[in-house]
Amino acid sequence: MQYALTLEDGNRKIHQFKPSIVVLDLNLPDGSGLEMIPVIKNISSAFLVISAYDNKRELVLERGAADFVKKPFDMNTITQSILDINNPGMV
C-alpha cells in the first residue's frame, strides 16, 4: 500500500505502482483530486473518493468512481467499500 499527500506525488505513485484500487481525496494541498480521475482511469481498475464535500458525490460517481465516502468516516467504512469493489457480486 502506498499513499500520497499531493496530486504531484499521487500522479507519480500511480504511474510507478499501478494500483488496482485508488482511494482519492478531493481536497489536496496542490489542487483538486478531480484532476486525477482521468489519470487513475487509465491506470487503475477502480477508485473510490473520500471528501467532506457531499455535493461532489454525484459528479465523481458520474466520472467513474466505484464509491463515494463522506468525511468524517471510520476505517470500517473504507474497508467495506474496498471489499465491495473487489467482490462486486458479494454485496
Protein backbone atom coordinates (compact mmCIF):
# COMPACT_ATOMS: atom_id res chain seq x y z
CA MET A 1 0.00 0.00 0.00
CA GLN A 2 1.24 3.47 -0.91
CA TYR A 3 -0.05 6.91 -0.05
CA ALA A 4 0.43 10.41 -1.37
CA LEU A 5 -0.42 13.76 0.17
CA THR A 6 -0.39 15.82 -3.03
CA LEU A 7 -1.58 15.50 -6.63
CA GLU A 8 2.01 15.55 -7.83
CA ASP A 9 3.09 12.71 -5.55
CA GLY A 10 -0.10 10.78 -6.28
CA ASN A 11 0.43 11.07 -10.02
CA ARG A 12 3.97 9.77 -9.68
CA LYS A 13 2.96 6.86 -7.46
CA ILE A 14 0.00 5.85 -9.61
CA HIS A 15 2.32 5.59 -12.63
CA GLN A 16 5.03 3.81 -10.63
CA PHE A 17 2.93 1.26 -8.72
CA LYS A 18 -0.16 0.87 -10.96
CA PRO A 19 -2.53 0.08 -8.07
CA SER A 20 -5.70 -1.96 -8.55
CA ILE A 21 -7.67 0.45 -6.34
CA VAL A 22 -7.07 4.11 -5.56
CA VAL A 23 -8.59 5.99 -2.64
CA LEU A 24 -8.79 9.59 -3.81
CA ASP A 25 -9.36 12.67 -1.65
CA LEU A 26 -10.78 15.66 -3.50
CA ASN A 27 -9.16 18.31 -1.31
CA LEU A 28 -5.38 18.20 -1.72
CA PRO A 29 -2.83 20.94 -1.00
CA ASP A 30 -1.87 21.39 -4.64
CA GLY A 31 -5.29 21.06 -6.27
CA SER A 32 -8.48 19.07 -6.64
CA GLY A 33 -8.46 15.30 -6.75
CA LEU A 34 -10.90 15.65 -9.66
CA GLU A 35 -7.84 16.40 -11.80
CA MET A 36 -6.53 12.89 -11.14
CA ILE A 37 -9.61 10.99 -12.28
CA PRO A 38 -8.57 10.67 -15.97
CA VAL A 39 -5.09 9.50 -14.92
CA ILE A 40 -6.50 6.97 -12.47
CA LYS A 41 -8.99 5.62 -15.00
CA ASN A 42 -6.18 4.98 -17.49
CA ILE A 43 -4.03 3.07 -15.00
CA SER A 44 -6.14 1.64 -12.19
CA SER A 45 -9.12 -0.64 -12.44
CA ALA A 46 -11.11 1.15 -9.72
CA PHE A 47 -11.15 4.17 -7.46
CA LEU A 48 -13.22 5.46 -4.59
CA VAL A 49 -13.44 9.06 -3.50
CA ILE A 50 -13.38 10.45 0.02
CA SER A 51 -14.47 14.01 0.68
CA ALA A 52 -16.19 16.30 3.13
CA TYR A 53 -17.95 17.84 0.12
CA ASP A 54 -21.05 15.67 -0.19
CA ASN A 55 -22.22 17.85 -3.08
CA LYS A 56 -19.49 16.23 -5.22
CA ARG A 57 -20.92 12.70 -4.79
CA GLU A 58 -22.96 12.62 -8.00
CA LEU A 59 -20.17 14.22 -10.04
CA VAL A 60 -17.49 11.70 -9.04
CA LEU A 61 -19.84 8.75 -9.47
CA GLU A 62 -20.68 10.01 -12.98
CA ARG A 63 -16.95 10.24 -13.68
CA GLY A 64 -16.48 6.60 -12.79
CA ALA A 65 -15.81 6.37 -9.06
CA ALA A 66 -16.81 2.99 -7.66
CA ASP A 67 -17.89 4.64 -4.40
CA PHE A 68 -18.03 7.94 -2.53
CA VAL A 69 -17.35 8.06 1.22
CA LYS A 70 -18.20 11.25 3.08
CA LYS A 71 -15.80 12.55 5.72
CA PRO A 72 -15.62 12.04 8.57
CA PHE A 73 -15.62 8.27 8.28
CA ASP A 74 -14.23 5.32 10.17
CA MET A 75 -11.81 2.75 8.80
CA ASN A 76 -14.53 0.09 8.72
CA THR A 77 -16.40 2.16 6.14
CA ILE A 78 -13.36 2.40 3.85
CA THR A 79 -12.50 -1.27 4.38
CA GLN A 80 -16.04 -2.32 3.47
CA SER A 81 -16.02 -0.12 0.38
CA ILE A 82 -12.76 -1.68 -0.82
CA LEU A 83 -14.11 -5.18 -0.15
CA ASP A 84 -17.29 -4.36 -2.08
CA ILE A 85 -15.23 -3.04 -5.02
CA ASN A 86 -13.06 -6.16 -5.05
CA ASN A 87 -16.05 -8.50 -4.72
CA PRO A 88 -18.93 -6.86 -6.61
CA GLY A 89 -21.16 -9.94 -6.58
CA MET A 90 -20.88 -10.43 -2.84
CA VAL A 91 -22.83 -7.33 -1.78
